[in-house]
Amino acid sequence: MPNNYLIAVPLDEELASFIGKKGSANSIVFYNRKADGDIIVSVAPSSIEEKIYALAETMLIAEKIVISTKRIDKAFGEVLVACSFADKHVIFTDDNDVSQMIKELGIRSFEVVGRDGILSAITRRDEAAAESGRTRVDIDKSFPVKGVGTVLLGIVTKGSVKVHDTLYDGKGKEISIKSIQMQDENVDIGPTNGRVGLSVKGADYEEVEKGNVLGNSQIKKTKQIEVELISNKFTNEEIRKGSRYGFVSNFAYADVTVEAMGDGTATLRLEKEVQLEPGDHFMLLRSRTPRIFAGGKVKGLNL
């Protein structure tokens, strides 16, 4: 089975095109590359200025983030701040020296490489991914195909999905996997980090929205969560009870209200139900720069 790599490239379209060939695009643009049998899928927001939530989505769903240092401007600063909350390994290009900025923001896992070293840095894994009995697929699109039925596009974020598997949506409804495509080819298994197209039975395409999650056990919807919360001095934001923000976790988005604050923790009330589970990472959004100003991890759900 080929290795699959899912990378965020938020700033430089030319760099994203170097890594892979441009594919489907909406709020997120996908770039695809096959290299020695392995598959690299890069994701980028179609517009940082207009769609800041898409920047958060790409950085949360990816396993690594590739940052171009060609231009040190407002957009670069915003992405760099977001990296400090993403808890991902960051690969910086060597166009400009940004070591002091990295240090000040406390980005712990990073490396600086030239263009010739980017693909090697993307495909290098220091540790084997831990096997898990869990299967999770985060959905970003659903649509009907004549003669096929409902097709769901998404990312396998945990485990693997196989033809004939039975997965469950947020209401516990059974959904059977009829076939799987990756890179326009039929496959029997969609592995972790794989971008998959699933032909399914048991769900109409209108029932499945972006941000929905399928699992081999039900991942329930919730409107209240307990979280670990991280911010930094550069965002200049005092998070208080009653404050309202945008909340992004993988492909899910909701407006939230802060119901309680603790020491590095918070209780958030979501304005719509979202499928989440403990350990999921998230980012908080506001209207002023840097718009991604905090992040963290889900500790618990109030169902």
Protein backbone atom coordinates (compact mmCIF):
# COMPACT_ATOMS: atom_id res chain seq x y z
CA MET A 1 0.00 0.00 0.00
CA PRO A 2 1.42 3.45 -0.89
CA ASN A 3 2.20 5.94 1.85
CA ASN A 4 -0.17 8.90 2.00
CA TYR A 5 0.89 12.38 3.08
CA LEU A 6 -1.49 15.27 3.76
CA ILE A 7 0.19 18.68 3.78
CA ALA A 8 -1.05 22.25 4.24
CA VAL A 9 0.56 24.89 1.98
CA PRO A 10 -1.25 28.06 3.01
CA LEU A 11 0.73 30.91 1.47
CA ASP A 12 2.41 30.33 -1.89
CA GLU A 13 0.39 28.99 -4.84
CA GLU A 14 3.58 28.50 -6.86
CA LEU A 15 5.03 26.37 -4.06
CA ALA A 16 1.81 24.34 -3.81
CA SER A 17 1.94 23.75 -7.58
CA PHE A 18 5.56 22.62 -7.26
CA ILE A 19 4.50 20.02 -4.68
CA GLY A 20 1.49 18.76 -6.65
CA LYS A 21 -0.87 19.29 -9.59
CA LYS A 22 -3.87 21.52 -8.90
CA GLY A 23 -7.12 19.60 -8.55
CA SER A 24 -10.55 20.38 -7.15
CA ALA A 25 -11.15 23.79 -5.61
CA ASN A 26 -13.79 25.47 -3.51
CA SER A 27 -12.90 27.24 -0.28
CA ILE A 28 -10.00 24.73 -0.19
CA VAL A 29 -7.76 23.92 -3.16
CA PHE A 30 -6.31 20.41 -3.46
CA TYR A 31 -2.95 19.66 -5.10
CA ASN A 32 -2.05 16.04 -5.89
CA ARG A 33 1.23 14.26 -6.56
CA LYS A 34 2.33 10.65 -6.94
CA ALA A 35 5.99 10.16 -6.07
CA ASP A 36 7.61 6.70 -6.24
CA GLY A 37 4.22 5.13 -5.59
CA ASP A 38 3.44 7.39 -2.64
CA ILE A 39 0.66 9.98 -2.70
CA ILE A 40 1.05 13.58 -1.52
CA VAL A 41 -2.09 15.68 -1.17
CA SER A 42 -1.54 19.37 -0.40
CA VAL A 43 -4.37 21.63 0.75
CA ALA A 44 -4.48 25.41 0.61
CA PRO A 45 -7.16 28.02 1.32
CA SER A 46 -8.47 29.59 -1.89
CA SER A 47 -8.15 33.02 -0.24
CA ILE A 48 -6.65 33.91 3.13
CA GLU A 49 -8.14 37.40 2.97
CA GLU A 50 -11.73 36.27 2.35
CA LYS A 51 -11.81 32.79 3.86
CA ILE A 52 -9.84 32.70 7.08
CA TYR A 53 -11.84 29.66 8.24
CA ALA A 54 -10.40 27.74 5.27
CA LEU A 55 -6.87 28.54 6.45
CA ALA A 56 -7.74 27.05 9.85
CA GLU A 57 -9.30 23.98 8.21
CA THR A 58 -6.24 23.21 6.10
CA MET A 59 -3.82 23.60 9.00
CA LEU A 60 -5.93 21.42 11.31
CA ILE A 61 -6.60 18.60 8.85
CA ALA A 62 -2.99 18.28 7.62
CA GLU A 63 -0.19 16.29 9.27
CA LYS A 64 2.49 18.86 8.34
CA ILE A 65 2.49 22.51 7.27
CA VAL A 66 4.79 23.94 4.58
CA ILE A 67 5.36 27.70 4.88
CA SER A 68 6.97 29.82 2.18
CA THR A 69 9.19 32.58 3.56
CA LYS A 70 9.48 34.29 0.16
CA ARG A 71 7.33 37.22 1.32
CA ILE A 72 7.38 38.46 4.92
CA ASP A 73 4.15 40.41 5.06
CA LYS A 74 0.85 40.61 6.91
CA ALA A 75 -0.36 37.29 5.50
CA PHE A 76 2.87 35.56 6.55
CA GLY A 77 2.51 36.94 10.08
CA GLU A 78 -1.07 35.71 10.33
CA VAL A 79 -0.13 32.22 9.17
CA LEU A 80 2.86 32.12 11.53
CA VAL A 81 0.65 32.97 14.52
CA ALA A 82 -1.79 30.23 13.46
CA CYS A 83 1.12 27.75 13.32
CA SER A 84 1.75 28.40 17.01
CA PHE A 85 -1.69 26.93 17.77
CA ALA A 86 -1.73 24.12 15.20
CA ASP A 87 0.49 21.64 17.11
CA LYS A 88 1.97 20.39 13.80
CA HIS A 89 5.45 20.01 12.37
CA VAL A 90 6.23 23.05 10.20
CA ILE A 91 8.55 23.07 7.20
CA PHE A 92 9.86 26.55 6.33
CA THR A 93 11.54 27.40 3.05
CA ASP A 94 14.95 29.07 3.30
CA ASP A 95 14.12 32.18 1.24
CA ASN A 96 14.35 34.45 4.31
CA ASP A 97 15.62 34.00 7.86
CA VAL A 98 12.59 33.89 10.18
CA SER A 99 14.29 32.10 13.08
CA GLN A 100 13.68 34.93 15.56
CA MET A 101 9.96 35.06 14.73
CA ILE A 102 9.71 31.28 15.14
CA LYS A 103 11.42 31.50 18.52
CA GLU A 104 9.23 34.35 19.76
CA LEU A 105 6.04 32.48 18.86
CA GLY A 106 7.25 29.27 20.49
CA ILE A 107 6.86 26.99 17.48
CA ARG A 108 8.52 23.84 18.76
CA SER A 109 8.57 21.37 15.87
CA PHE A 110 10.02 22.83 12.66
CA GLU A 111 12.79 22.67 10.10
CA VAL A 112 14.14 24.98 7.40
CA VAL A 113 14.84 23.51 3.94
CA GLY A 114 15.66 24.60 0.42
CA ARG A 115 13.33 23.80 -2.46
CA ASP A 116 15.32 20.66 -3.29
CA GLY A 117 14.65 19.33 0.20
CA ILE A 118 10.91 20.00 0.45
CA LEU A 119 9.66 16.66 -0.86
CA SER A 120 12.08 14.73 1.36
CA ALA A 121 10.94 16.73 4.39
CA ILE A 122 7.29 16.05 3.55
CA THR A 123 7.73 12.29 3.17
CA ARG A 124 10.06 11.80 6.14
CA ARG A 125 8.40 10.22 9.17
CA ASP A 126 10.47 9.91 12.31
CA GLU A 127 8.06 7.51 13.96
CA ALA A 128 5.67 4.97 12.57
CA ALA A 129 2.05 6.01 12.92
CA ALA A 130 0.40 4.21 15.81
CA GLU A 131 -2.14 1.67 14.69
CA SER A 132 -5.63 2.17 16.02
CA GLY A 133 -8.83 0.20 15.89
CA ARG A 134 -10.64 3.45 15.23
CA THR A 135 -11.78 4.58 11.81
CA ARG A 136 -12.68 8.21 11.21
CA VAL A 137 -13.45 10.04 7.98
CA ASP A 138 -13.96 13.83 8.02
CA ILE A 139 -16.28 14.81 5.17
CA ASP A 140 -15.85 17.98 3.14
CA LYS A 141 -18.31 17.41 0.28
CA SER A 142 -21.29 15.25 -0.75
CA PHE A 143 -23.07 14.98 -4.08
CA PRO A 144 -25.16 12.58 -6.21
CA VAL A 145 -23.74 10.69 -9.19
CA LYS A 146 -26.15 9.27 -11.75
CA GLY A 147 -26.08 5.49 -11.72
CA VAL A 148 -23.90 5.44 -8.60
CA GLY A 149 -25.86 7.26 -5.89
CA THR A 150 -24.43 9.28 -3.03
CA VAL A 151 -20.70 10.07 -3.12
CA LEU A 152 -18.85 11.56 -0.15
CA LEU A 153 -15.43 13.20 -0.36
CA GLY A 154 -13.29 13.37 2.74
CA ILE A 155 -10.04 12.71 4.56
CA VAL A 156 -9.33 9.52 6.52
CA THR A 157 -8.08 11.08 9.75
CA LYS A 158 -7.88 7.87 11.80
CA GLY A 159 -7.37 4.24 10.88
CA SER A 160 -8.50 3.10 7.45
CA VAL A 161 -11.76 2.61 5.57
CA LYS A 162 -12.42 -0.48 3.47
CA VAL A 163 -14.92 -1.49 0.82
CA HIS A 164 -18.00 -3.09 2.49
CA ASP A 165 -17.25 -1.42 5.85
CA THR A 166 -20.19 -0.15 7.86
CA LEU A 167 -19.66 3.30 9.33
CA TYR A 168 -21.93 5.48 11.46
CA ASP A 169 -22.93 9.12 11.17
CA GLY A 170 -23.53 11.54 14.05
CA LYS A 171 -27.03 10.17 14.65
CA GLY A 172 -25.87 6.55 14.72
CA LYS A 173 -27.24 5.77 11.25
CA GLU A 174 -25.46 2.94 9.43
CA ILE A 175 -23.72 3.85 6.17
CA SER A 176 -22.21 1.10 3.99
CA ILE A 177 -19.16 1.68 1.79
CA LYS A 178 -19.85 0.37 -1.72
CA SER A 179 -16.61 1.51 -3.35
CA ILE A 180 -13.62 3.80 -2.75
CA GLN A 181 -11.66 5.99 -5.13
CA MET A 182 -8.32 7.71 -4.59
CA GLN A 183 -6.63 9.79 -7.29
CA ASP A 184 -9.41 8.68 -9.72
CA GLU A 185 -8.58 5.01 -9.21
CA ASN A 186 -10.68 2.34 -7.48
CA VAL A 187 -9.03 0.97 -4.35
CA ASP A 188 -10.04 -1.50 -1.65
CA ILE A 189 -8.65 0.51 1.29
CA GLY A 190 -8.41 4.22 2.08
CA PRO A 191 -5.55 4.66 4.59
CA THR A 192 -4.84 7.37 7.17
CA ASN A 193 -4.28 10.77 5.50
CA GLY A 194 -5.91 9.51 2.31
CA ARG A 195 -8.20 11.80 0.32
CA VAL A 196 -11.08 9.44 -0.52
CA GLY A 197 -14.23 9.42 -2.58
CA LEU A 198 -16.75 7.05 -1.03
CA SER A 199 -19.73 5.63 -2.86
CA VAL A 200 -22.14 4.84 -0.03
CA LYS A 201 -25.45 3.18 0.72
CA GLY A 202 -27.70 4.30 3.56
CA ALA A 203 -27.34 8.09 3.27
CA ASP A 204 -28.74 10.64 0.85
CA TYR A 205 -26.22 13.29 -0.19
CA GLU A 206 -28.46 16.02 1.27
CA GLU A 207 -28.14 14.40 4.71
CA VAL A 208 -24.35 14.72 4.83
CA GLU A 209 -22.75 18.15 5.21
CA LYS A 210 -19.22 19.47 5.25
CA GLY A 211 -17.89 18.93 8.76
CA ASN A 212 -19.81 15.70 9.31
CA VAL A 213 -17.77 12.72 10.51
CA LEU A 214 -18.15 9.00 9.82
CA GLY A 215 -16.66 6.42 12.17
CA ASN A 216 -16.72 2.71 12.88
CA SER A 217 -18.36 3.80 16.12
CA GLN A 218 -20.68 6.76 16.45
CA ILE A 219 -19.04 10.16 17.01
CA LYS A 220 -21.86 12.08 18.62
CA LYS A 221 -22.90 15.67 18.10
CA THR A 222 -22.55 18.20 20.90
CA LYS A 223 -23.18 21.88 21.60
CA GLN A 224 -21.02 22.27 24.71
CA ILE A 225 -17.37 21.29 25.18
CA GLU A 226 -14.61 21.55 27.76
CA VAL A 227 -11.30 22.54 26.17
CA GLU A 228 -7.63 23.17 26.81
CA LEU A 229 -7.04 26.69 25.51
CA ILE A 230 -3.81 28.25 24.21
CA SER A 231 -3.21 31.86 23.20
CA ASN A 232 -0.15 34.10 23.24
CA LYS A 233 0.87 37.67 24.03
CA PHE A 234 1.04 38.71 20.39
CA THR A 235 -2.70 38.29 19.84
CA ASN A 236 -3.59 40.80 22.60
CA GLU A 237 -6.94 39.21 23.42
CA GLU A 238 -8.41 38.70 26.86
CA ILE A 239 -10.78 35.77 26.51
CA ARG A 240 -13.67 36.35 28.89
CA LYS A 241 -16.93 34.73 29.81
CA GLY A 242 -19.52 35.84 27.28
CA SER A 243 -17.01 36.45 24.46
CA ARG A 244 -18.10 35.20 21.03
CA TYR A 245 -15.82 33.77 18.35
CA GLY A 246 -15.68 31.45 15.39
CA PHE A 247 -14.70 27.83 16.09
CA VAL A 248 -13.03 25.52 13.55
CA SER A 249 -12.13 21.85 14.02
CA ASN A 250 -11.04 20.04 10.85
CA PHE A 251 -13.88 20.78 8.39
CA ALA A 252 -16.44 21.78 11.03
CA TYR A 253 -17.30 25.43 11.75
CA ALA A 254 -19.61 26.99 14.35
CA ASP A 255 -20.00 30.26 16.22
CA VAL A 256 -19.21 29.82 19.93
CA THR A 257 -19.74 31.65 23.20
CA VAL A 258 -17.31 31.33 26.11
CA GLU A 259 -19.37 30.10 29.07
CA ALA A 260 -16.58 29.75 31.63
CA MET A 261 -12.84 30.32 31.92
CA GLY A 262 -10.31 28.46 34.05
CA ASP A 263 -6.54 28.18 34.24
CA GLY A 264 -5.73 27.24 30.64
CA THR A 265 -9.20 25.77 30.19
CA ALA A 266 -12.59 26.97 29.00
CA THR A 267 -16.18 25.85 28.49
CA LEU A 268 -17.50 26.70 25.03
CA ARG A 269 -21.13 26.72 23.88
CA LEU A 270 -21.51 26.04 20.15
CA GLU A 271 -24.46 27.61 18.34
CA LYS A 272 -25.02 24.42 16.34
CA GLU A 273 -24.33 20.76 17.01
CA VAL A 274 -20.93 19.55 15.82
CA GLN A 275 -19.39 16.07 15.86
CA LEU A 276 -16.35 16.16 18.13
CA GLU A 277 -14.41 13.82 20.36
CA PRO A 278 -11.79 14.30 23.08
CA GLY A 279 -8.39 15.04 21.59
CA ASP A 280 -9.70 16.97 18.58
CA HIS A 281 -7.75 20.16 17.90
CA PHE A 282 -9.47 23.46 17.14
CA MET A 283 -8.80 27.13 16.42
CA LEU A 284 -10.69 30.25 17.47
CA LEU A 285 -11.33 33.08 15.00
CA ARG A 286 -12.07 36.78 15.49
CA SER A 287 -12.60 39.71 13.12
CA ARG A 288 -9.30 41.59 13.63
CA THR A 289 -5.75 40.56 12.76
CA PRO A 290 -4.44 38.05 13.57
CA ARG A 291 -7.85 36.51 13.00
CA ILE A 292 -6.74 33.07 14.19
CA PHE A 293 -5.80 34.10 17.71
CA ALA A 294 -6.16 30.99 19.90
CA GLY A 295 -6.44 27.25 19.70
CA GLY A 296 -6.36 24.11 21.74
CA LYS A 297 -7.71 20.64 22.23
CA VAL A 298 -11.10 19.22 23.22
CA LYS A 299 -11.03 17.68 26.72
CA GLY A 300 -14.63 16.59 27.13
CA LEU A 301 -18.14 16.77 25.72
CA ASN A 302 -21.39 17.66 27.41
CA LEU A 303 -23.88 15.58 25.44
